[in-house]
Amino acid sequence: WKSTVIIRIPDDPIEPGRQIWTYYTHMATKEGT
């Protein structure tokens, strides 16, 4: 992953008891730095 991270949230604050993930991307220059 050049431009991406994902964060695991063990306990969903909207629906407690389920696990969800937050995904962030496009964190790189146009060349892929």
Full PDB file with SEQRES, HELIX, SHEET, SSBOND, CRYST1, ORIGX, SCALE, CONECT and MASTER records, all heavy atoms in Angstrom:
SEQRES   1 A   33  TRP LYS SER THR VAL ILE ILE ARG ILE PRO ASP ASP PRO          
SEQRES   2 A   33  ILE GLU PRO GLY ARG GLN ILE TRP THR TYR TYR THR HIS          
SEQRES   3 A   33  MET ALA THR LYS GLU GLY THR                                  
SHEET    1 AA1 2 VAL A   5  ILE A   9  0                                        
SHEET    2 AA1 2 ILE A  20  TYR A  24 -1                                        
CRYST1    1.000    1.000    1.000  90.00  90.00  90.00 P 1           1          
ORIGX1      1.000000  0.000000  0.000000        0.00000                         
ORIGX2      0.000000  1.000000  0.000000        0.00000                         
ORIGX3      0.000000  0.000000  1.000000        0.00000                         
SCALE1      1.000000  0.000000  0.000000        0.00000                         
SCALE2      0.000000  1.000000  0.000000        0.00000                         
SCALE3      0.000000  0.000000  1.000000        0.00000                         
ATOM      1  N   TRP A   1       0.837  -1.199   0.000  1.00  0.00           N  
ATOM      2  CA  TRP A   1       0.000   0.000   0.000  1.00  0.00           C  
ATOM      3  C   TRP A   1       0.876   1.255   0.000  1.00  0.00           C  
ATOM      4  O   TRP A   1       1.554   1.553   0.984  1.00  0.00           O  
ATOM      5  CB  TRP A   1      -0.906   0.008   1.219  1.00  0.00           C  
ATOM      6  CG  TRP A   1      -2.135  -0.856   1.064  1.00  0.00           C  
ATOM      7  CD1 TRP A   1      -2.476  -1.596  -0.016  1.00  0.00           C  
ATOM      8  CD2 TRP A   1      -3.173  -1.048   2.029  1.00  0.00           C  
ATOM      9  NE1 TRP A   1      -3.662  -2.252   0.197  1.00  0.00           N  
ATOM     10  CE2 TRP A   1      -4.113  -1.929   1.448  1.00  0.00           C  
ATOM     11  CE3 TRP A   1      -3.396  -0.573   3.318  1.00  0.00           C  
ATOM     12  CZ2 TRP A   1      -5.257  -2.342   2.128  1.00  0.00           C  
ATOM     13  CZ3 TRP A   1      -4.529  -0.985   3.989  1.00  0.00           C  
ATOM     14  CH2 TRP A   1      -5.455  -1.854   3.399  1.00  0.00           C  
ATOM     15  N   LYS A   2       0.843   2.007  -1.086  1.00  0.00           N  
ATOM     16  CA  LYS A   2       1.602   3.255  -1.184  1.00  0.00           C  
ATOM     17  C   LYS A   2       0.860   4.428  -0.555  1.00  0.00           C  
ATOM     18  O   LYS A   2       1.494   5.349  -0.028  1.00  0.00           O  
ATOM     19  CB  LYS A   2       1.885   3.584  -2.658  1.00  0.00           C  
ATOM     20  CG  LYS A   2       2.799   2.603  -3.366  1.00  0.00           C  
ATOM     21  CD  LYS A   2       3.041   3.044  -4.806  1.00  0.00           C  
ATOM     22  CE  LYS A   2       3.975   2.088  -5.516  1.00  0.00           C  
ATOM     23  NZ  LYS A   2       4.239   2.515  -6.918  1.00  0.00           N  
ATOM     24  N   SER A   3      -0.453   4.419  -0.640  1.00  0.00           N  
ATOM     25  CA  SER A   3      -1.216   5.622  -0.294  1.00  0.00           C  
ATOM     26  C   SER A   3      -2.351   5.358   0.687  1.00  0.00           C  
ATOM     27  O   SER A   3      -3.185   6.233   0.904  1.00  0.00           O  
ATOM     28  CB  SER A   3      -1.810   6.230  -1.573  1.00  0.00           C  
ATOM     29  OG  SER A   3      -2.793   5.376  -2.133  1.00  0.00           O  
ATOM     30  N   THR A   4      -2.360   4.190   1.299  1.00  0.00           N  
ATOM     31  CA  THR A   4      -3.541   3.743   2.031  1.00  0.00           C  
ATOM     32  C   THR A   4      -3.203   3.205   3.412  1.00  0.00           C  
ATOM     33  O   THR A   4      -2.180   2.552   3.591  1.00  0.00           O  
ATOM     34  CB  THR A   4      -4.256   2.632   1.232  1.00  0.00           C  
ATOM     35  OG1 THR A   4      -4.518   3.092  -0.088  1.00  0.00           O  
ATOM     36  CG2 THR A   4      -5.537   2.193   1.897  1.00  0.00           C  
ATOM     37  N   VAL A   5      -4.086   3.484   4.369  1.00  0.00           N  
ATOM     38  CA  VAL A   5      -4.075   2.790   5.659  1.00  0.00           C  
ATOM     39  C   VAL A   5      -5.506   2.417   5.997  1.00  0.00           C  
ATOM     40  O   VAL A   5      -6.462   2.988   5.473  1.00  0.00           O  
ATOM     41  CB  VAL A   5      -3.463   3.637   6.797  1.00  0.00           C  
ATOM     42  CG1 VAL A   5      -2.024   4.021   6.499  1.00  0.00           C  
ATOM     43  CG2 VAL A   5      -4.308   4.881   7.084  1.00  0.00           C  
ATOM     44  N   ILE A   6      -5.663   1.447   6.885  1.00  0.00           N  
ATOM     45  CA  ILE A   6      -6.986   1.054   7.355  1.00  0.00           C  
ATOM     46  C   ILE A   6      -6.911   0.876   8.868  1.00  0.00           C  
ATOM     47  O   ILE A   6      -5.889   0.413   9.393  1.00  0.00           O  
ATOM     48  CB  ILE A   6      -7.476  -0.227   6.645  1.00  0.00           C  
ATOM     49  CG1 ILE A   6      -8.976  -0.418   6.857  1.00  0.00           C  
ATOM     50  CG2 ILE A   6      -6.665  -1.458   7.067  1.00  0.00           C  
ATOM     51  CD1 ILE A   6      -9.601  -1.418   5.890  1.00  0.00           C  
ATOM     52  N   ILE A   7      -7.956   1.290   9.555  1.00  0.00           N  
ATOM     53  CA  ILE A   7      -7.961   1.261  11.021  1.00  0.00           C  
ATOM     54  C   ILE A   7      -9.112   0.383  11.511  1.00  0.00           C  
ATOM     55  O   ILE A   7     -10.277   0.610  11.165  1.00  0.00           O  
ATOM     56  CB  ILE A   7      -8.073   2.682  11.603  1.00  0.00           C  
ATOM     57  CG1 ILE A   7      -6.842   3.508  11.186  1.00  0.00           C  
ATOM     58  CG2 ILE A   7      -8.209   2.638  13.124  1.00  0.00           C  
ATOM     59  CD1 ILE A   7      -6.887   4.958  11.629  1.00  0.00           C  
ATOM     60  N   ARG A   8      -8.760  -0.597  12.307  1.00  0.00           N  
ATOM     61  CA  ARG A   8      -9.734  -1.530  12.881  1.00  0.00           C  
ATOM     62  C   ARG A   8     -10.349  -0.919  14.131  1.00  0.00           C  
ATOM     63  O   ARG A   8      -9.641  -0.490  15.041  1.00  0.00           O  
ATOM     64  CB  ARG A   8      -9.035  -2.855  13.212  1.00  0.00           C  
ATOM     65  CG  ARG A   8      -9.943  -3.918  13.820  1.00  0.00           C  
ATOM     66  CD  ARG A   8      -9.186  -5.229  13.999  1.00  0.00           C  
ATOM     67  NE  ARG A   8      -8.097  -5.113  14.963  1.00  0.00           N  
ATOM     68  CZ  ARG A   8      -8.235  -5.282  16.277  1.00  0.00           C  
ATOM     69  NH1 ARG A   8      -9.435  -5.553  16.798  1.00  0.00           N  
ATOM     70  NH2 ARG A   8      -7.182  -5.173  17.071  1.00  0.00           N  
ATOM     71  N   ILE A   9     -11.677  -0.902  14.179  1.00  0.00           N  
ATOM     72  CA  ILE A   9     -12.405  -0.425  15.353  1.00  0.00           C  
ATOM     73  C   ILE A   9     -13.141  -1.629  15.933  1.00  0.00           C  
ATOM     74  O   ILE A   9     -14.139  -2.098  15.361  1.00  0.00           O  
ATOM     75  CB  ILE A   9     -13.387   0.708  14.984  1.00  0.00           C  
ATOM     76  CG1 ILE A   9     -12.608   1.901  14.389  1.00  0.00           C  
ATOM     77  CG2 ILE A   9     -14.214   1.140  16.191  1.00  0.00           C  
ATOM     78  CD1 ILE A   9     -13.481   3.006  13.847  1.00  0.00           C  
ATOM     79  N   PRO A  10     -12.653  -2.173  17.052  1.00  0.00           N  
ATOM     80  CA  PRO A  10     -13.211  -3.437  17.566  1.00  0.00           C  
ATOM     81  C   PRO A  10     -14.676  -3.367  17.961  1.00  0.00           C  
ATOM     82  O   PRO A  10     -15.387  -4.368  17.874  1.00  0.00           O  
ATOM     83  CB  PRO A  10     -12.327  -3.735  18.782  1.00  0.00           C  
ATOM     84  CG  PRO A  10     -11.077  -2.947  18.563  1.00  0.00           C  
ATOM     85  CD  PRO A  10     -11.502  -1.718  17.834  1.00  0.00           C  
ATOM     86  N   ASP A  11     -15.123  -2.179  18.409  1.00  0.00           N  
ATOM     87  CA  ASP A  11     -16.500  -2.050  18.894  1.00  0.00           C  
ATOM     88  C   ASP A  11     -17.154  -0.851  18.219  1.00  0.00           C  
ATOM     89  O   ASP A  11     -16.881   0.301  18.570  1.00  0.00           O  
ATOM     90  CB  ASP A  11     -16.497  -1.879  20.413  1.00  0.00           C  
ATOM     91  CG  ASP A  11     -17.872  -2.081  21.029  1.00  0.00           C  
ATOM     92  OD1 ASP A  11     -18.712  -2.768  20.416  1.00  0.00           O  
ATOM     93  OD2 ASP A  11     -18.117  -1.537  22.121  1.00  0.00           O  
ATOM     94  N   ASP A  12     -17.985  -1.117  17.247  1.00  0.00           N  
ATOM     95  CA  ASP A  12     -18.675  -0.082  16.478  1.00  0.00           C  
ATOM     96  C   ASP A  12     -19.478   0.833  17.417  1.00  0.00           C  
ATOM     97  O   ASP A  12     -20.343   0.347  18.155  1.00  0.00           O  
ATOM     98  CB  ASP A  12     -19.608  -0.776  15.483  1.00  0.00           C  
ATOM     99  CG  ASP A  12     -20.351   0.178  14.563  1.00  0.00           C  
ATOM    100  OD1 ASP A  12     -20.384   1.388  14.836  1.00  0.00           O  
ATOM    101  OD2 ASP A  12     -20.899  -0.314  13.558  1.00  0.00           O  
ATOM    102  N   PRO A  13     -19.207   2.152  17.407  1.00  0.00           N  
ATOM    103  CA  PRO A  13     -19.933   3.039  18.322  1.00  0.00           C  
ATOM    104  C   PRO A  13     -21.411   3.211  17.968  1.00  0.00           C  
ATOM    105  O   PRO A  13     -22.198   3.629  18.814  1.00  0.00           O  
ATOM    106  CB  PRO A  13     -19.180   4.371  18.203  1.00  0.00           C  
ATOM    107  CG  PRO A  13     -18.535   4.317  16.853  1.00  0.00           C  
ATOM    108  CD  PRO A  13     -18.184   2.871  16.629  1.00  0.00           C  
ATOM    109  N   ILE A  14     -21.793   2.884  16.744  1.00  0.00           N  
ATOM    110  CA  ILE A  14     -23.193   2.985  16.336  1.00  0.00           C  
ATOM    111  C   ILE A  14     -23.924   1.664  16.568  1.00  0.00           C  
ATOM    112  O   ILE A  14     -25.072   1.640  17.000  1.00  0.00           O  
ATOM    113  CB  ILE A  14     -23.304   3.407  14.855  1.00  0.00           C  
ATOM    114  CG1 ILE A  14     -22.697   4.800  14.652  1.00  0.00           C  
ATOM    115  CG2 ILE A  14     -24.756   3.380  14.383  1.00  0.00           C  
ATOM    116  CD1 ILE A  14     -23.397   5.925  15.382  1.00  0.00           C  
ATOM    117  N   GLU A  15     -23.258   0.561  16.284  1.00  0.00           N  
ATOM    118  CA  GLU A  15     -23.820  -0.769  16.545  1.00  0.00           C  
ATOM    119  C   GLU A  15     -22.842  -1.555  17.408  1.00  0.00           C  
ATOM    120  O   GLU A  15     -22.037  -2.345  16.903  1.00  0.00           O  
ATOM    121  CB  GLU A  15     -24.103  -1.515  15.238  1.00  0.00           C  
ATOM    122  CG  GLU A  15     -25.249  -0.945  14.441  1.00  0.00           C  
ATOM    123  CD  GLU A  15     -25.731  -1.890  13.346  1.00  0.00           C  
ATOM    124  OE1 GLU A  15     -25.504  -3.110  13.483  1.00  0.00           O  
ATOM    125  OE2 GLU A  15     -26.317  -1.402  12.378  1.00  0.00           O  
ATOM    126  N   PRO A  16     -22.868  -1.343  18.729  1.00  0.00           N  
ATOM    127  CA  PRO A  16     -21.921  -2.023  19.620  1.00  0.00           C  
ATOM    128  C   PRO A  16     -21.961  -3.537  19.452  1.00  0.00           C  
ATOM    129  O   PRO A  16     -23.014  -4.130  19.233  1.00  0.00           O  
ATOM    130  CB  PRO A  16     -22.420  -1.605  21.018  1.00  0.00           C  
ATOM    131  CG  PRO A  16     -23.110  -0.293  20.794  1.00  0.00           C  
ATOM    132  CD  PRO A  16     -23.765  -0.425  19.444  1.00  0.00           C  
ATOM    133  N   GLY A  17     -20.760  -4.119  19.511  1.00  0.00           N  
ATOM    134  CA  GLY A  17     -20.653  -5.563  19.393  1.00  0.00           C  
ATOM    135  C   GLY A  17     -20.120  -6.029  18.058  1.00  0.00           C  
ATOM    136  O   GLY A  17     -19.689  -7.179  17.935  1.00  0.00           O  
ATOM    137  N   ARG A  18     -20.152  -5.156  17.056  1.00  0.00           N  
ATOM    138  CA  ARG A  18     -19.579  -5.561  15.768  1.00  0.00           C  
ATOM    139  C   ARG A  18     -18.293  -4.787  15.514  1.00  0.00           C  
ATOM    140  O   ARG A  18     -18.109  -3.659  16.001  1.00  0.00           O  
ATOM    141  CB  ARG A  18     -20.556  -5.356  14.616  1.00  0.00           C  
ATOM    142  CG  ARG A  18     -20.794  -3.907  14.201  1.00  0.00           C  
ATOM    143  CD  ARG A  18     -21.625  -3.841  12.931  1.00  0.00           C  
ATOM    144  NE  ARG A  18     -21.899  -2.446  12.562  1.00  0.00           N  
ATOM    145  CZ  ARG A  18     -22.575  -2.081  11.471  1.00  0.00           C  
ATOM    146  NH1 ARG A  18     -23.053  -3.015  10.659  1.00  0.00           N  
ATOM    147  NH2 ARG A  18     -22.787  -0.797  11.204  1.00  0.00           N  
ATOM    148  N   GLN A  19     -17.410  -5.379  14.747  1.00  0.00           N  
ATOM    149  CA  GLN A  19     -16.153  -4.741  14.379  1.00  0.00           C  
ATOM    150  C   GLN A  19     -16.287  -4.083  13.002  1.00  0.00           C  
ATOM    151  O   GLN A  19     -16.896  -4.648  12.094  1.00  0.00           O  
ATOM    152  CB  GLN A  19     -15.025  -5.775  14.354  1.00  0.00           C  
ATOM    153  CG  GLN A  19     -13.661  -5.200  13.972  1.00  0.00           C  
ATOM    154  CD  GLN A  19     -12.524  -6.129  14.317  1.00  0.00           C  
ATOM    155  OE1 GLN A  19     -12.044  -6.138  15.447  1.00  0.00           O  
ATOM    156  NE2 GLN A  19     -12.080  -6.932  13.355  1.00  0.00           N  
ATOM    157  N   ILE A  20     -15.719  -2.881  12.864  1.00  0.00           N  
ATOM    158  CA  ILE A  20     -15.701  -2.183  11.583  1.00  0.00           C  
ATOM    159  C   ILE A  20     -14.291  -1.656  11.335  1.00  0.00           C  
ATOM    160  O   ILE A  20     -13.419  -1.726  12.210  1.00  0.00           O  
ATOM    161  CB  ILE A  20     -16.705  -1.006  11.538  1.00  0.00           C  
ATOM    162  CG1 ILE A  20     -16.423  -0.005  12.681  1.00  0.00           C  
ATOM    163  CG2 ILE A  20     -18.139  -1.508  11.587  1.00  0.00           C  
ATOM    164  CD1 ILE A  20     -17.232   1.280  12.599  1.00  0.00           C  
ATOM    165  N   TRP A  21     -14.072  -1.134  10.125  1.00  0.00           N  
ATOM    166  CA  TRP A  21     -12.775  -0.612   9.726  1.00  0.00           C  
ATOM    167  C   TRP A  21     -12.956   0.743   9.041  1.00  0.00           C  
ATOM    168  O   TRP A  21     -13.906   0.929   8.276  1.00  0.00           O  
ATOM    169  CB  TRP A  21     -12.104  -1.571   8.742  1.00  0.00           C  
ATOM    170  CG  TRP A  21     -11.954  -2.985   9.212  1.00  0.00           C  
ATOM    171  CD1 TRP A  21     -12.945  -3.922   9.342  1.00  0.00           C  
ATOM    172  CD2 TRP A  21     -10.735  -3.630   9.610  1.00  0.00           C  
ATOM    173  NE1 TRP A  21     -12.422  -5.110   9.801  1.00  0.00           N  
ATOM    174  CE2 TRP A  21     -11.067  -4.966   9.959  1.00  0.00           C  
ATOM    175  CE3 TRP A  21      -9.400  -3.223   9.679  1.00  0.00           C  
ATOM    176  CZ2 TRP A  21     -10.113  -5.891  10.387  1.00  0.00           C  
ATOM    177  CZ3 TRP A  21      -8.450  -4.147  10.100  1.00  0.00           C  
ATOM    178  CH2 TRP A  21      -8.812  -5.461  10.455  1.00  0.00           C  
ATOM    179  N   THR A  22     -12.051   1.690   9.310  1.00  0.00           N  
ATOM    180  CA  THR A  22     -12.068   2.956   8.581  1.00  0.00           C  
ATOM    181  C   THR A  22     -10.883   2.990   7.614  1.00  0.00           C  
ATOM    182  O   THR A  22      -9.763   2.650   7.989  1.00  0.00           O  
ATOM    183  CB  THR A  22     -12.028   4.162   9.533  1.00  0.00           C  
ATOM    184  OG1 THR A  22     -10.954   4.013  10.477  1.00  0.00           O  
ATOM    185  CG2 THR A  22     -13.338   4.292  10.283  1.00  0.00           C  
ATOM    186  N   TYR A  23     -11.154   3.406   6.395  1.00  0.00           N  
ATOM    187  CA  TYR A  23     -10.215   3.276   5.279  1.00  0.00           C  
ATOM    188  C   TYR A  23      -9.880   4.669   4.744  1.00  0.00           C  
ATOM    189  O   TYR A  23     -10.778   5.474   4.474  1.00  0.00           O  
ATOM    190  CB  TYR A  23     -10.907   2.428   4.216  1.00  0.00           C  
ATOM    191  CG  TYR A  23     -10.158   2.161   2.934  1.00  0.00           C  
ATOM    192  CD1 TYR A  23      -9.326   1.053   2.806  1.00  0.00           C  
ATOM    193  CD2 TYR A  23     -10.344   2.975   1.817  1.00  0.00           C  
ATOM    194  CE1 TYR A  23      -8.684   0.769   1.601  1.00  0.00           C  
ATOM    195  CE2 TYR A  23      -9.707   2.703   0.615  1.00  0.00           C  
ATOM    196  CZ  TYR A  23      -8.875   1.604   0.514  1.00  0.00           C  
ATOM    197  OH  TYR A  23      -8.247   1.325  -0.680  1.00  0.00           O  
ATOM    198  N   TYR A  24      -8.582   4.944   4.597  1.00  0.00           N  
ATOM    199  CA  TYR A  24      -8.100   6.257   4.153  1.00  0.00           C  
ATOM    200  C   TYR A  24      -7.155   6.038   2.970  1.00  0.00           C  
ATOM    201  O   TYR A  24      -6.172   5.280   3.086  1.00  0.00           O  
ATOM    202  CB  TYR A  24      -7.311   6.957   5.259  1.00  0.00           C  
ATOM    203  CG  TYR A  24      -8.008   7.062   6.599  1.00  0.00           C  
ATOM    204  CD1 TYR A  24      -8.175   5.949   7.427  1.00  0.00           C  
ATOM    205  CD2 TYR A  24      -8.476   8.296   7.066  1.00  0.00           C  
ATOM    206  CE1 TYR A  24      -8.791   6.052   8.661  1.00  0.00           C  
ATOM    207  CE2 TYR A  24      -9.097   8.403   8.303  1.00  0.00           C  
ATOM    208  CZ  TYR A  24      -9.252   7.284   9.088  1.00  0.00           C  
ATOM    209  OH  TYR A  24      -9.867   7.393  10.316  1.00  0.00           O  
ATOM    210  N   THR A  25      -7.388   6.736   1.851  1.00  0.00           N  
ATOM    211  CA  THR A  25      -6.504   6.516   0.711  1.00  0.00           C  
ATOM    212  C   THR A  25      -6.294   7.788  -0.109  1.00  0.00           C  
ATOM    213  O   THR A  25      -6.930   8.803   0.140  1.00  0.00           O  
ATOM    214  CB  THR A  25      -7.027   5.368  -0.184  1.00  0.00           C  
ATOM    215  OG1 THR A  25      -5.992   4.957  -1.076  1.00  0.00           O  
ATOM    216  CG2 THR A  25      -8.260   5.776  -0.954  1.00  0.00           C  
ATOM    217  N   HIS A  26      -5.394   7.707  -1.089  1.00  0.00           N  
ATOM    218  CA  HIS A  26      -4.879   8.793  -1.949  1.00  0.00           C  
ATOM    219  C   HIS A  26      -3.804   9.606  -1.230  1.00  0.00           C  
ATOM    220  O   HIS A  26      -3.569  10.762  -1.592  1.00  0.00           O  
ATOM    221  CB  HIS A  26      -5.992   9.703  -2.474  1.00  0.00           C  
ATOM    222  CG  HIS A  26      -6.996   8.981  -3.326  1.00  0.00           C  
ATOM    223  ND1 HIS A  26      -6.642   8.260  -4.442  1.00  0.00           N  
ATOM    224  CD2 HIS A  26      -8.345   8.852  -3.205  1.00  0.00           C  
ATOM    225  CE1 HIS A  26      -7.727   7.718  -4.984  1.00  0.00           C  
ATOM    226  NE2 HIS A  26      -8.764   8.051  -4.239  1.00  0.00           N  
ATOM    227  N   MET A  27      -3.130   9.000  -0.269  1.00  0.00           N  
ATOM    228  CA  MET A  27      -2.033   9.669   0.425  1.00  0.00           C  
ATOM    229  C   MET A  27      -0.706   9.375  -0.283  1.00  0.00           C  
ATOM    230  O   MET A  27       0.181   8.696   0.240  1.00  0.00           O  
ATOM    231  CB  MET A  27      -1.981   9.234   1.896  1.00  0.00           C  
ATOM    232  CG  MET A  27      -3.148   9.735   2.709  1.00  0.00           C  
ATOM    233  SD  MET A  27      -3.035   9.338   4.476  1.00  0.00           S  
ATOM    234  CE  MET A  27      -3.430   7.585   4.454  1.00  0.00           C  
ATOM    235  N   ALA A  28      -0.587   9.876  -1.523  1.00  0.00           N  
ATOM    236  CA  ALA A  28       0.648   9.758  -2.304  1.00  0.00           C  
ATOM    237  C   ALA A  28       0.587  10.766  -3.440  1.00  0.00           C  
ATOM    238  O   ALA A  28      -0.491  11.244  -3.815  1.00  0.00           O  
ATOM    239  CB  ALA A  28       0.830   8.344  -2.855  1.00  0.00           C  
ATOM    240  N   THR A  29       1.752  11.096  -3.989  1.00  0.00           N  
ATOM    241  CA  THR A  29       1.803  11.990  -5.146  1.00  0.00           C  
ATOM    242  C   THR A  29       1.357  11.234  -6.390  1.00  0.00           C  
ATOM    243  O   THR A  29       1.208  10.011  -6.379  1.00  0.00           O  
ATOM    244  CB  THR A  29       3.227  12.520  -5.366  1.00  0.00           C  
ATOM    245  OG1 THR A  29       4.068  11.406  -5.756  1.00  0.00           O  
ATOM    246  CG2 THR A  29       3.789  13.140  -4.101  1.00  0.00           C  
ATOM    247  N   LYS A  30       1.187  11.954  -7.482  1.00  0.00           N  
ATOM    248  CA  LYS A  30       0.706  11.325  -8.711  1.00  0.00           C  
ATOM    249  C   LYS A  30       1.659  10.246  -9.226  1.00  0.00           C  
ATOM    250  O   LYS A  30       1.251   9.313  -9.919  1.00  0.00           O  
ATOM    251  CB  LYS A  30       0.470  12.377  -9.794  1.00  0.00           C  
ATOM    252  CG  LYS A  30       1.715  13.095 -10.273  1.00  0.00           C  
ATOM    253  CD  LYS A  30       1.363  14.133 -11.337  1.00  0.00           C  
ATOM    254  CE  LYS A  30       2.612  14.852 -11.845  1.00  0.00           C  
ATOM    255  NZ  LYS A  30       2.271  15.876 -12.868  1.00  0.00           N  
ATOM    256  N   GLU A  31       2.952  10.364  -8.863  1.00  0.00           N  
ATOM    257  CA  GLU A  31       3.931   9.360  -9.288  1.00  0.00           C  
ATOM    258  C   GLU A  31       3.944   8.138  -8.384  1.00  0.00           C  
ATOM    259  O   GLU A  31       4.584   7.129  -8.692  1.00  0.00           O  
ATOM    260  CB  GLU A  31       5.337   9.964  -9.333  1.00  0.00           C  
ATOM    261  CG  GLU A  31       5.530  11.063 -10.367  1.00  0.00           C  
ATOM    262  CD  GLU A  31       5.069  12.424  -9.852  1.00  0.00           C  
ATOM    263  OE1 GLU A  31       4.782  12.533  -8.623  1.00  0.00           O  
ATOM    264  OE2 GLU A  31       4.985  13.371 -10.650  1.00  0.00           O  
ATOM    265  N   GLY A  32       3.276   8.229  -7.221  1.00  0.00           N  
ATOM    266  CA  GLY A  32       3.243   7.109  -6.296  1.00  0.00           C  
ATOM    267  C   GLY A  32       4.182   7.249  -5.116  1.00  0.00           C  
ATOM    268  O   GLY A  32       4.392   6.291  -4.373  1.00  0.00           O  
ATOM    269  N   THR A  33       4.748   8.451  -4.920  1.00  0.00           N  
ATOM    270  CA  THR A  33       5.572   8.688  -3.736  1.00  0.00           C  
ATOM    271  C   THR A  33       4.658   8.833  -2.520  1.00  0.00           C  
ATOM    272  O   THR A  33       3.791   9.708  -2.493  1.00  0.00           O  
ATOM    273  CB  THR A  33       6.419   9.960  -3.892  1.00  0.00           C  
ATOM    274  OG1 THR A  33       7.280   9.809  -5.022  1.00  0.00           O  
ATOM    275  CG2 THR A  33       7.260  10.213  -2.646  1.00  0.00           C  
TER     276      THR A  33                                                      
MASTER        0    0    0    0    2    0    0    6  275    1    0    3          
END                                                                             
